[in-house]
Amino acid sequence: AEPGALALAAALQAGSEHPLARAVLAAHGGATAPVEDFRALPGRGVRG
């Protein structure tokens, strides 16, 4: 819905060990911005 959303998603997923996180980081392929207040939500996703 806005340009650069993939970079934001990759930055958010950098702190996750979920297989989908690795897929996002692989698709982004570059350095990610730091994430603060990261939290995994079991069965739901992540926030930060």
All heavy atoms as atom14 arrays in JSON, in Angstrom:
{
  "sequence": "AEPGALALAAALQAGSEHPLARAVLAAHGGATAPVEDFRALPGRGVRG",
  "atom14_mask": [
    [1, 1, 1, 1, 1, 0, 0, 0, 0, 0, 0, 0, 0, 0],
    [1, 1, 1, 1, 1, 1, 1, 1, 1, 0, 0, 0, 0, 0],
    [1, 1, 1, 1, 1, 1, 1, 0, 0, 0, 0, 0, 0, 0],
    [1, 1, 1, 1, 0, 0, 0, 0, 0, 0, 0, 0, 0, 0],
    [1, 1, 1, 1, 1, 0, 0, 0, 0, 0, 0, 0, 0, 0],
    [1, 1, 1, 1, 1, 1, 1, 1, 0, 0, 0, 0, 0, 0],
    [1, 1, 1, 1, 1, 0, 0, 0, 0, 0, 0, 0, 0, 0],
    [1, 1, 1, 1, 1, 1, 1, 1, 0, 0, 0, 0, 0, 0],
    [1, 1, 1, 1, 1, 0, 0, 0, 0, 0, 0, 0, 0, 0],
    [1, 1, 1, 1, 1, 0, 0, 0, 0, 0, 0, 0, 0, 0],
    [1, 1, 1, 1, 1, 0, 0, 0, 0, 0, 0, 0, 0, 0],
    [1, 1, 1, 1, 1, 1, 1, 1, 0, 0, 0, 0, 0, 0],
    [1, 1, 1, 1, 1, 1, 1, 1, 1, 0, 0, 0, 0, 0],
    [1, 1, 1, 1, 1, 0, 0, 0, 0, 0, 0, 0, 0, 0],
    [1, 1, 1, 1, 0, 0, 0, 0, 0, 0, 0, 0, 0, 0],
    [1, 1, 1, 1, 1, 1, 0, 0, 0, 0, 0, 0, 0, 0],
    [1, 1, 1, 1, 1, 1, 1, 1, 1, 0, 0, 0, 0, 0],
    [1, 1, 1, 1, 1, 1, 1, 1, 1, 1, 0, 0, 0, 0],
    [1, 1, 1, 1, 1, 1, 1, 0, 0, 0, 0, 0, 0, 0],
    [1, 1, 1, 1, 1, 1, 1, 1, 0, 0, 0, 0, 0, 0],
    [1, 1, 1, 1, 1, 0, 0, 0, 0, 0, 0, 0, 0, 0],
    [1, 1, 1, 1, 1, 1, 1, 1, 1, 1, 1, 0, 0, 0],
    [1, 1, 1, 1, 1, 0, 0, 0, 0, 0, 0, 0, 0, 0],
    [1, 1, 1, 1, 1, 1, 1, 0, 0, 0, 0, 0, 0, 0],
    [1, 1, 1, 1, 1, 1, 1, 1, 0, 0, 0, 0, 0, 0],
    [1, 1, 1, 1, 1, 0, 0, 0, 0, 0, 0, 0, 0, 0],
    [1, 1, 1, 1, 1, 0, 0, 0, 0, 0, 0, 0, 0, 0],
    [1, 1, 1, 1, 1, 1, 1, 1, 1, 1, 0, 0, 0, 0],
    [1, 1, 1, 1, 0, 0, 0, 0, 0, 0, 0, 0, 0, 0],
    [1, 1, 1, 1, 0, 0, 0, 0, 0, 0, 0, 0, 0, 0],
    [1, 1, 1, 1, 1, 0, 0, 0, 0, 0, 0, 0, 0, 0],
    [1, 1, 1, 1, 1, 1, 1, 0, 0, 0, 0, 0, 0, 0],
    [1, 1, 1, 1, 1, 0, 0, 0, 0, 0, 0, 0, 0, 0],
    [1, 1, 1, 1, 1, 1, 1, 0, 0, 0, 0, 0, 0, 0],
    [1, 1, 1, 1, 1, 1, 1, 0, 0, 0, 0, 0, 0, 0],
    [1, 1, 1, 1, 1, 1, 1, 1, 1, 0, 0, 0, 0, 0],
    [1, 1, 1, 1, 1, 1, 1, 1, 0, 0, 0, 0, 0, 0],
    [1, 1, 1, 1, 1, 1, 1, 1, 1, 1, 1, 0, 0, 0],
    [1, 1, 1, 1, 1, 1, 1, 1, 1, 1, 1, 0, 0, 0],
    [1, 1, 1, 1, 1, 0, 0, 0, 0, 0, 0, 0, 0, 0],
    [1, 1, 1, 1, 1, 1, 1, 1, 0, 0, 0, 0, 0, 0],
    [1, 1, 1, 1, 1, 1, 1, 0, 0, 0, 0, 0, 0, 0],
    [1, 1, 1, 1, 0, 0, 0, 0, 0, 0, 0, 0, 0, 0],
    [1, 1, 1, 1, 1, 1, 1, 1, 1, 1, 1, 0, 0, 0],
    [1, 1, 1, 1, 0, 0, 0, 0, 0, 0, 0, 0, 0, 0],
    [1, 1, 1, 1, 1, 1, 1, 0, 0, 0, 0, 0, 0, 0],
    [1, 1, 1, 1, 1, 1, 1, 1, 1, 1, 1, 0, 0, 0],
    [1, 1, 1, 1, 0, 0, 0, 0, 0, 0, 0, 0, 0, 0]
  ],
  "atom14_positions": [
    [[0.83, -1.19, 0.0], [0.0, 0.0, 0.0], [0.87, 1.25, 0.0], [0.38, 2.34, -0.31], [-0.92, 0.01, 1.22], [0.0, 0.0, 0.0], [0.0, 0.0, 0.0], [0.0, 0.0, 0.0], [0.0, 0.0, 0.0], [0.0, 0.0, 0.0], [0.0, 0.0, 0.0], [0.0, 0.0, 0.0], [0.0, 0.0, 0.0], [0.0, 0.0, 0.0]],
    [[2.13, 1.08, 0.39], [3.07, 2.19, 0.31], [4.45, 1.64, -0.03], [4.8, 0.52, 0.36], [3.12, 2.98, 1.62], [3.8, 2.27, 2.77], [4.02, 3.21, 3.96], [3.04, 3.82, 4.42], [5.17, 3.3, 4.4], [0.0, 0.0, 0.0], [0.0, 0.0, 0.0], [0.0, 0.0, 0.0], [0.0, 0.0, 0.0], [0.0, 0.0, 0.0]],
    [[5.27, 2.38, -0.76], [6.6, 1.9, -1.13], [7.46, 1.68, 0.12], [7.32, 2.38, 1.13], [7.17, 3.05, -1.99], [5.96, 3.81, -2.46], [4.96, 3.7, -1.36], [0.0, 0.0, 0.0], [0.0, 0.0, 0.0], [0.0, 0.0, 0.0], [0.0, 0.0, 0.0], [0.0, 0.0, 0.0], [0.0, 0.0, 0.0], [0.0, 0.0, 0.0]],
    [[8.33, 0.68, 0.05], [9.23, 0.42, 1.17], [8.65, -0.46, 2.25], [9.29, -0.66, 3.3], [0.0, 0.0, 0.0], [0.0, 0.0, 0.0], [0.0, 0.0, 0.0], [0.0, 0.0, 0.0], [0.0, 0.0, 0.0], [0.0, 0.0, 0.0], [0.0, 0.0, 0.0], [0.0, 0.0, 0.0], [0.0, 0.0, 0.0], [0.0, 0.0, 0.0]],
    [[7.45, -1.02, 2.02], [6.83, -1.87, 3.05], [7.65, -3.13, 3.3], [7.73, -3.62, 4.43], [5.4, -2.22, 2.64], [0.0, 0.0, 0.0], [0.0, 0.0, 0.0], [0.0, 0.0, 0.0], [0.0, 0.0, 0.0], [0.0, 0.0, 0.0], [0.0, 0.0, 0.0], [0.0, 0.0, 0.0], [0.0, 0.0, 0.0], [0.0, 0.0, 0.0]],
    [[8.28, -3.66, 2.24], [9.07, -4.88, 2.41], [10.26, -4.61, 3.33], [10.61, -5.47, 4.16], [9.56, -5.39, 1.05], [10.43, -6.65, 1.09], [9.67, -7.81, 1.73], [10.88, -7.03, -0.31], [0.0, 0.0, 0.0], [0.0, 0.0, 0.0], [0.0, 0.0, 0.0], [0.0, 0.0, 0.0], [0.0, 0.0, 0.0], [0.0, 0.0, 0.0]],
    [[10.88, -3.45, 3.22], [12.01, -3.11, 4.09], [11.56, -3.02, 5.54], [12.27, -3.46, 6.46], [12.65, -1.8, 3.63], [0.0, 0.0, 0.0], [0.0, 0.0, 0.0], [0.0, 0.0, 0.0], [0.0, 0.0, 0.0], [0.0, 0.0, 0.0], [0.0, 0.0, 0.0], [0.0, 0.0, 0.0], [0.0, 0.0, 0.0], [0.0, 0.0, 0.0]],
    [[10.38, -2.46, 5.76], [9.84, -2.39, 7.12], [9.56, -3.79, 7.67], [9.86, -4.09, 8.83], [8.56, -1.55, 7.14], [8.7, -0.07, 6.83], [7.32, 0.59, 6.74], [9.56, 0.63, 7.88], [0.0, 0.0, 0.0], [0.0, 0.0, 0.0], [0.0, 0.0, 0.0], [0.0, 0.0, 0.0], [0.0, 0.0, 0.0], [0.0, 0.0, 0.0]],
    [[8.98, -4.65, 6.84], [8.68, -6.01, 7.26], [9.96, -6.78, 7.58], [10.04, -7.53, 8.56], [7.89, -6.73, 6.18], [0.0, 0.0, 0.0], [0.0, 0.0, 0.0], [0.0, 0.0, 0.0], [0.0, 0.0, 0.0], [0.0, 0.0, 0.0], [0.0, 0.0, 0.0], [0.0, 0.0, 0.0], [0.0, 0.0, 0.0], [0.0, 0.0, 0.0]],
    [[11.0, -6.58, 6.74], [12.27, -7.26, 6.97], [12.91, -6.79, 8.27], [13.45, -7.59, 9.04], [13.21, -7.02, 5.79], [0.0, 0.0, 0.0], [0.0, 0.0, 0.0], [0.0, 0.0, 0.0], [0.0, 0.0, 0.0], [0.0, 0.0, 0.0], [0.0, 0.0, 0.0], [0.0, 0.0, 0.0], [0.0, 0.0, 0.0], [0.0, 0.0, 0.0]],
    [[12.85, -5.51, 8.54], [13.4, -4.98, 9.79], [12.66, -5.56, 10.99], [13.27, -5.93, 12.0], [13.3, -3.46, 9.8], [0.0, 0.0, 0.0], [0.0, 0.0, 0.0], [0.0, 0.0, 0.0], [0.0, 0.0, 0.0], [0.0, 0.0, 0.0], [0.0, 0.0, 0.0], [0.0, 0.0, 0.0], [0.0, 0.0, 0.0], [0.0, 0.0, 0.0]],
    [[11.36, -5.69, 10.88], [10.56, -6.22, 11.97], [10.85, -7.7, 12.19], [10.86, -8.19, 13.32], [9.07, -6.01, 11.66], [8.06, -6.32, 12.76], [8.34, -5.47, 14.0], [6.65, -6.07, 12.25], [0.0, 0.0, 0.0], [0.0, 0.0, 0.0], [0.0, 0.0, 0.0], [0.0, 0.0, 0.0], [0.0, 0.0, 0.0], [0.0, 0.0, 0.0]],
    [[11.11, -8.44, 11.12], [11.33, -9.88, 11.21], [12.76, -10.24, 11.56], [13.06, -11.42, 11.79], [10.96, -10.55, 9.87], [9.47, -10.53, 9.56], [8.72, -11.58, 10.35], [8.87, -11.7, 11.56], [7.9, -12.36, 9.66], [0.0, 0.0, 0.0], [0.0, 0.0, 0.0], [0.0, 0.0, 0.0], [0.0, 0.0, 0.0], [0.0, 0.0, 0.0]],
    [[13.65, -9.27, 11.59], [15.06, -9.57, 11.86], [15.25, -10.21, 13.23], [16.2, -10.95, 13.45], [15.9, -8.3, 11.76], [0.0, 0.0, 0.0], [0.0, 0.0, 0.0], [0.0, 0.0, 0.0], [0.0, 0.0, 0.0], [0.0, 0.0, 0.0], [0.0, 0.0, 0.0], [0.0, 0.0, 0.0], [0.0, 0.0, 0.0], [0.0, 0.0, 0.0]],
    [[14.34, -9.98, 14.15], [14.47, -10.55, 15.49], [13.72, -11.85, 15.68], [13.66, -12.37, 16.79], [0.0, 0.0, 0.0], [0.0, 0.0, 0.0], [0.0, 0.0, 0.0], [0.0, 0.0, 0.0], [0.0, 0.0, 0.0], [0.0, 0.0, 0.0], [0.0, 0.0, 0.0], [0.0, 0.0, 0.0], [0.0, 0.0, 0.0], [0.0, 0.0, 0.0]],
    [[13.15, -12.4, 14.61], [12.34, -13.61, 14.71], [13.08, -14.82, 14.13], [13.88, -14.69, 13.2], [11.01, -13.42, 13.96], [10.27, -14.62, 13.94], [0.0, 0.0, 0.0], [0.0, 0.0, 0.0], [0.0, 0.0, 0.0], [0.0, 0.0, 0.0], [0.0, 0.0, 0.0], [0.0, 0.0, 0.0], [0.0, 0.0, 0.0], [0.0, 0.0, 0.0]],
    [[12.79, -16.01, 14.69], [13.37, -17.25, 14.19], [12.38, -18.05, 13.35], [12.65, -19.17, 12.94], [13.86, -18.12, 15.35], [14.95, -17.46, 16.18], [15.39, -18.33, 17.34], [14.75, -19.39, 17.55], [16.35, -17.97, 18.03], [0.0, 0.0, 0.0], [0.0, 0.0, 0.0], [0.0, 0.0, 0.0], [0.0, 0.0, 0.0], [0.0, 0.0, 0.0]],
    [[11.22, -17.49, 13.07], [10.18, -18.21, 12.33], [10.6, -18.39, 10.87], [11.28, -17.53, 10.31], [8.87, -17.41, 12.4], [7.67, -18.2, 12.02], [7.31, -18.44, 10.72], [6.73, -18.83, 12.79], [6.21, -19.17, 10.69], [5.84, -19.41, 11.92], [0.0, 0.0, 0.0], [0.0, 0.0, 0.0], [0.0, 0.0, 0.0], [0.0, 0.0, 0.0]],
    [[10.23, -19.51, 10.24], [10.59, -19.71, 8.82], [10.1, -18.59, 7.91], [10.78, -18.24, 6.94], [9.89, -21.04, 8.48], [9.8, -21.77, 9.77], [9.59, -20.71, 10.81], [0.0, 0.0, 0.0], [0.0, 0.0, 0.0], [0.0, 0.0, 0.0], [0.0, 0.0, 0.0], [0.0, 0.0, 0.0], [0.0, 0.0, 0.0], [0.0, 0.0, 0.0]],
    [[8.94, -18.0, 8.22], [8.45, -16.91, 7.39], [9.35, -15.68, 7.51], [9.48, -14.9, 6.57], [7.01, -16.54, 7.79], [5.95, -17.62, 7.57], [4.58, -17.07, 7.92], [5.98, -18.14, 6.13], [0.0, 0.0, 0.0], [0.0, 0.0, 0.0], [0.0, 0.0, 0.0], [0.0, 0.0, 0.0], [0.0, 0.0, 0.0], [0.0, 0.0, 0.0]],
    [[9.96, -15.52, 8.69], [10.88, -14.39, 8.86], [12.08, -14.55, 7.94], [12.54, -13.58, 7.33], [11.32, -14.31, 10.32], [0.0, 0.0, 0.0], [0.0, 0.0, 0.0], [0.0, 0.0, 0.0], [0.0, 0.0, 0.0], [0.0, 0.0, 0.0], [0.0, 0.0, 0.0], [0.0, 0.0, 0.0], [0.0, 0.0, 0.0], [0.0, 0.0, 0.0]],
    [[12.59, -15.78, 7.84], [13.73, -16.01, 6.95], [13.35, -15.76, 5.5], [14.17, -15.27, 4.71], [14.23, -17.44, 7.14], [14.84, -17.71, 8.51], [15.61, -19.01, 8.53], [14.72, -20.16, 8.42], [14.2, -20.8, 9.46], [14.45, -20.36, 10.7], [13.42, -21.85, 9.29], [0.0, 0.0, 0.0], [0.0, 0.0, 0.0], [0.0, 0.0, 0.0]],
    [[12.12, -16.07, 5.14], [11.67, -15.82, 3.77], [11.61, -14.32, 3.47], [11.99, -13.87, 2.38], [10.3, -16.46, 3.54], [0.0, 0.0, 0.0], [0.0, 0.0, 0.0], [0.0, 0.0, 0.0], [0.0, 0.0, 0.0], [0.0, 0.0, 0.0], [0.0, 0.0, 0.0], [0.0, 0.0, 0.0], [0.0, 0.0, 0.0], [0.0, 0.0, 0.0]],
    [[11.14, -13.53, 4.43], [11.06, -12.08, 4.25], [12.46, -11.48, 4.12], [12.72, -10.65, 3.25], [10.3, -11.43, 5.41], [10.37, -9.91, 5.32], [8.85, -11.88, 5.42], [0.0, 0.0, 0.0], [0.0, 0.0, 0.0], [0.0, 0.0, 0.0], [0.0, 0.0, 0.0], [0.0, 0.0, 0.0], [0.0, 0.0, 0.0], [0.0, 0.0, 0.0]],
    [[13.37, -11.92, 4.99], [14.74, -11.4, 4.95], [15.44, -11.78, 3.66], [16.19, -11.0, 3.09], [15.52, -11.93, 6.16], [15.06, -11.38, 7.52], [15.71, -12.16, 8.66], [15.37, -9.9, 7.64], [0.0, 0.0, 0.0], [0.0, 0.0, 0.0], [0.0, 0.0, 0.0], [0.0, 0.0, 0.0], [0.0, 0.0, 0.0], [0.0, 0.0, 0.0]],
    [[15.17, -13.01, 3.17], [15.77, -13.43, 1.9], [15.24, -12.61, 0.75], [15.98, -12.25, -0.18], [15.5, -14.91, 1.68], [0.0, 0.0, 0.0], [0.0, 0.0, 0.0], [0.0, 0.0, 0.0], [0.0, 0.0, 0.0], [0.0, 0.0, 0.0], [0.0, 0.0, 0.0], [0.0, 0.0, 0.0], [0.0, 0.0, 0.0], [0.0, 0.0, 0.0]],
    [[13.94, -12.3, 0.76], [13.35, -11.5, -0.32], [13.86, -10.07, -0.29], [14.06, -9.45, -1.34], [11.82, -11.52, -0.19], [0.0, 0.0, 0.0], [0.0, 0.0, 0.0], [0.0, 0.0, 0.0], [0.0, 0.0, 0.0], [0.0, 0.0, 0.0], [0.0, 0.0, 0.0], [0.0, 0.0, 0.0], [0.0, 0.0, 0.0], [0.0, 0.0, 0.0]],
    [[14.1, -9.54, 0.92], [14.61, -8.16, 1.02], [16.06, -8.11, 0.57], [16.45, -7.24, -0.23], [14.46, -7.67, 2.46], [15.05, -6.32, 2.7], [14.62, -5.2, 2.02], [16.04, -5.9, 3.55], [15.31, -4.14, 2.43], [16.18, -4.54, 3.36], [0.0, 0.0, 0.0], [0.0, 0.0, 0.0], [0.0, 0.0, 0.0], [0.0, 0.0, 0.0]],
    [[16.87, -9.02, 1.09], [18.24, -9.17, 0.62], [19.22, -8.1, 1.01], [20.36, -8.12, 0.58], [0.0, 0.0, 0.0], [0.0, 0.0, 0.0], [0.0, 0.0, 0.0], [0.0, 0.0, 0.0], [0.0, 0.0, 0.0], [0.0, 0.0, 0.0], [0.0, 0.0, 0.0], [0.0, 0.0, 0.0], [0.0, 0.0, 0.0], [0.0, 0.0, 0.0]],
    [[18.85, -7.14, 1.82], [19.76, -6.07, 2.2], [19.8, -5.86, 3.7], [19.2, -6.6, 4.47], [0.0, 0.0, 0.0], [0.0, 0.0, 0.0], [0.0, 0.0, 0.0], [0.0, 0.0, 0.0], [0.0, 0.0, 0.0], [0.0, 0.0, 0.0], [0.0, 0.0, 0.0], [0.0, 0.0, 0.0], [0.0, 0.0, 0.0], [0.0, 0.0, 0.0]],
    [[20.51, -4.82, 4.11], [20.6, -4.49, 5.52], [19.25, -3.98, 6.0], [18.49, -3.36, 5.25], [21.69, -3.46, 5.76], [0.0, 0.0, 0.0], [0.0, 0.0, 0.0], [0.0, 0.0, 0.0], [0.0, 0.0, 0.0], [0.0, 0.0, 0.0], [0.0, 0.0, 0.0], [0.0, 0.0, 0.0], [0.0, 0.0, 0.0], [0.0, 0.0, 0.0]],
    [[18.95, -4.24, 7.26], [17.67, -3.83, 7.82], [17.86, -2.78, 8.91], [18.91, -2.73, 9.56], [16.93, -5.04, 8.43], [17.73, -5.61, 9.48], [16.66, -6.09, 7.37], [0.0, 0.0, 0.0], [0.0, 0.0, 0.0], [0.0, 0.0, 0.0], [0.0, 0.0, 0.0], [0.0, 0.0, 0.0], [0.0, 0.0, 0.0], [0.0, 0.0, 0.0]],
    [[16.87, -1.95, 9.07], [16.9, -0.95, 10.14], [16.74, -1.65, 11.49], [16.15, -2.73, 11.57], [15.76, 0.06, 9.92], [0.0, 0.0, 0.0], [0.0, 0.0, 0.0], [0.0, 0.0, 0.0], [0.0, 0.0, 0.0], [0.0, 0.0, 0.0], [0.0, 0.0, 0.0], [0.0, 0.0, 0.0], [0.0, 0.0, 0.0], [0.0, 0.0, 0.0]],
    [[17.24, -1.06, 12.56], [17.09, -1.68, 13.89], [15.62, -1.69, 14.33], [14.84, -0.81, 13.98], [17.94, -0.79, 14.79], [18.05, 0.52, 14.07], [18.01, 0.19, 12.62], [0.0, 0.0, 0.0], [0.0, 0.0, 0.0], [0.0, 0.0, 0.0], [0.0, 0.0, 0.0], [0.0, 0.0, 0.0], [0.0, 0.0, 0.0], [0.0, 0.0, 0.0]],
    [[15.27, -2.71, 15.09], [13.92, -2.82, 15.62], [13.97, -2.66, 17.14], [14.89, -3.17, 17.8], [13.29, -4.18, 15.23], [14.13, -5.35, 15.73], [11.86, -4.28, 15.76], [0.0, 0.0, 0.0], [0.0, 0.0, 0.0], [0.0, 0.0, 0.0], [0.0, 0.0, 0.0], [0.0, 0.0, 0.0], [0.0, 0.0, 0.0], [0.0, 0.0, 0.0]],
    [[13.03, -1.96, 17.69], [12.95, -1.75, 19.13], [11.66, -2.36, 19.67], [10.67, -2.51, 18.95], [12.98, -0.24, 19.45], [14.24, 0.46, 18.95], [14.15, 1.97, 19.16], [13.07, 2.44, 19.6], [15.14, 2.66, 18.88], [0.0, 0.0, 0.0], [0.0, 0.0, 0.0], [0.0, 0.0, 0.0], [0.0, 0.0, 0.0], [0.0, 0.0, 0.0]],
    [[11.72, -2.72, 20.94], [10.55, -3.26, 21.63], [9.95, -4.44, 20.86], [8.72, -4.56, 20.73], [9.5, -2.16, 21.83], [8.42, -2.55, 22.85], [8.71, -3.41, 23.7], [7.29, -2.01, 22.77], [0.0, 0.0, 0.0], [0.0, 0.0, 0.0], [0.0, 0.0, 0.0], [0.0, 0.0, 0.0], [0.0, 0.0, 0.0], [0.0, 0.0, 0.0]],
    [[10.83, -5.3, 20.36], [10.36, -6.45, 19.59], [9.67, -7.46, 20.5], [10.12, -7.73, 21.61], [11.53, -7.12, 18.88], [11.15, -8.39, 18.15], [10.6, -8.32, 16.88], [11.32, -9.63, 18.75], [10.23, -9.48, 16.21], [10.96, -10.79, 18.08], [10.42, -10.71, 16.81], [0.0, 0.0, 0.0], [0.0, 0.0, 0.0], [0.0, 0.0, 0.0]],
    [[8.59, -8.04, 19.98], [7.86, -9.05, 20.76], [7.22, -10.06, 19.81], [6.56, -9.68, 18.84], [6.78, -8.38, 21.62], [6.0, -9.37, 22.48], [4.95, -8.66, 23.27], [4.13, -9.59, 24.04], [3.03, -9.26, 24.7], [2.61, -7.99, 24.69], [2.35, -10.17, 25.37], [0.0, 0.0, 0.0], [0.0, 0.0, 0.0], [0.0, 0.0, 0.0]],
    [[7.46, -11.34, 20.09], [6.81, -12.4, 19.33], [5.45, -12.7, 19.97], [5.32, -12.78, 21.19], [7.66, -13.66, 19.35], [0.0, 0.0, 0.0], [0.0, 0.0, 0.0], [0.0, 0.0, 0.0], [0.0, 0.0, 0.0], [0.0, 0.0, 0.0], [0.0, 0.0, 0.0], [0.0, 0.0, 0.0], [0.0, 0.0, 0.0], [0.0, 0.0, 0.0]],
    [[4.44, -12.84, 19.12], [3.08, -13.13, 19.57], [2.73, -14.55, 19.14], [2.42, -14.78, 17.96], [2.09, -12.13, 18.95], [2.45, -10.64, 19.14], [1.5, -9.77, 18.33], [2.4, -10.28, 20.62], [0.0, 0.0, 0.0], [0.0, 0.0, 0.0], [0.0, 0.0, 0.0], [0.0, 0.0, 0.0], [0.0, 0.0, 0.0], [0.0, 0.0, 0.0]],
    [[2.82, -15.54, 20.04], [2.62, -16.95, 19.65], [1.3, -17.17, 18.92], [0.24, -16.76, 19.38], [2.63, -17.69, 21.0], [3.43, -16.81, 21.91], [3.11, -15.4, 21.47], [0.0, 0.0, 0.0], [0.0, 0.0, 0.0], [0.0, 0.0, 0.0], [0.0, 0.0, 0.0], [0.0, 0.0, 0.0], [0.0, 0.0, 0.0], [0.0, 0.0, 0.0]],
    [[1.41, -17.78, 17.74], [0.23, -18.08, 16.95], [-0.35, -16.89, 16.22], [-1.35, -17.04, 15.49], [0.0, 0.0, 0.0], [0.0, 0.0, 0.0], [0.0, 0.0, 0.0], [0.0, 0.0, 0.0], [0.0, 0.0, 0.0], [0.0, 0.0, 0.0], [0.0, 0.0, 0.0], [0.0, 0.0, 0.0], [0.0, 0.0, 0.0], [0.0, 0.0, 0.0]],
    [[0.24, -15.72, 16.38], [-0.3, -14.51, 15.74], [0.71, -13.87, 14.8], [0.4, -13.62, 13.64], [-0.72, -13.5, 16.8], [-1.89, -13.95, 17.69], [-2.14, -12.91, 18.78], [-3.31, -13.22, 19.58], [-3.31, -14.04, 20.62], [-2.18, -14.65, 20.96], [-4.4, -14.28, 21.31], [0.0, 0.0, 0.0], [0.0, 0.0, 0.0], [0.0, 0.0, 0.0]],
    [[1.91, -13.56, 15.31], [2.92, -12.88, 14.51], [3.92, -12.19, 15.4], [4.32, -12.71, 16.44], [0.0, 0.0, 0.0], [0.0, 0.0, 0.0], [0.0, 0.0, 0.0], [0.0, 0.0, 0.0], [0.0, 0.0, 0.0], [0.0, 0.0, 0.0], [0.0, 0.0, 0.0], [0.0, 0.0, 0.0], [0.0, 0.0, 0.0], [0.0, 0.0, 0.0]],
    [[4.35, -11.0, 14.99], [5.34, -10.23, 15.75], [4.92, -8.76, 15.76], [4.14, -8.32, 14.92], [6.76, -10.37, 15.15], [7.25, -11.8, 15.25], [6.79, -9.89, 13.7], [0.0, 0.0, 0.0], [0.0, 0.0, 0.0], [0.0, 0.0, 0.0], [0.0, 0.0, 0.0], [0.0, 0.0, 0.0], [0.0, 0.0, 0.0], [0.0, 0.0, 0.0]],
    [[5.5, -8.05, 16.71], [5.3, -6.59, 16.73], [6.6, -5.94, 17.18], [7.45, -6.56, 17.81], [4.16, -6.2, 17.66], [4.43, -6.47, 19.14], [3.36, -5.89, 20.04], [2.02, -6.29, 19.62], [0.96, -6.31, 20.42], [1.1, -5.97, 21.7], [-0.21, -6.68, 19.96], [0.0, 0.0, 0.0], [0.0, 0.0, 0.0], [0.0, 0.0, 0.0]],
    [[6.74, -4.65, 16.84], [7.92, -3.9, 17.22], [7.87, -2.5, 16.66], [6.92, -2.12, 15.95], [0.0, 0.0, 0.0], [0.0, 0.0, 0.0], [0.0, 0.0, 0.0], [0.0, 0.0, 0.0], [0.0, 0.0, 0.0], [0.0, 0.0, 0.0], [0.0, 0.0, 0.0], [0.0, 0.0, 0.0], [0.0, 0.0, 0.0], [0.0, 0.0, 0.0]]
  ]
}
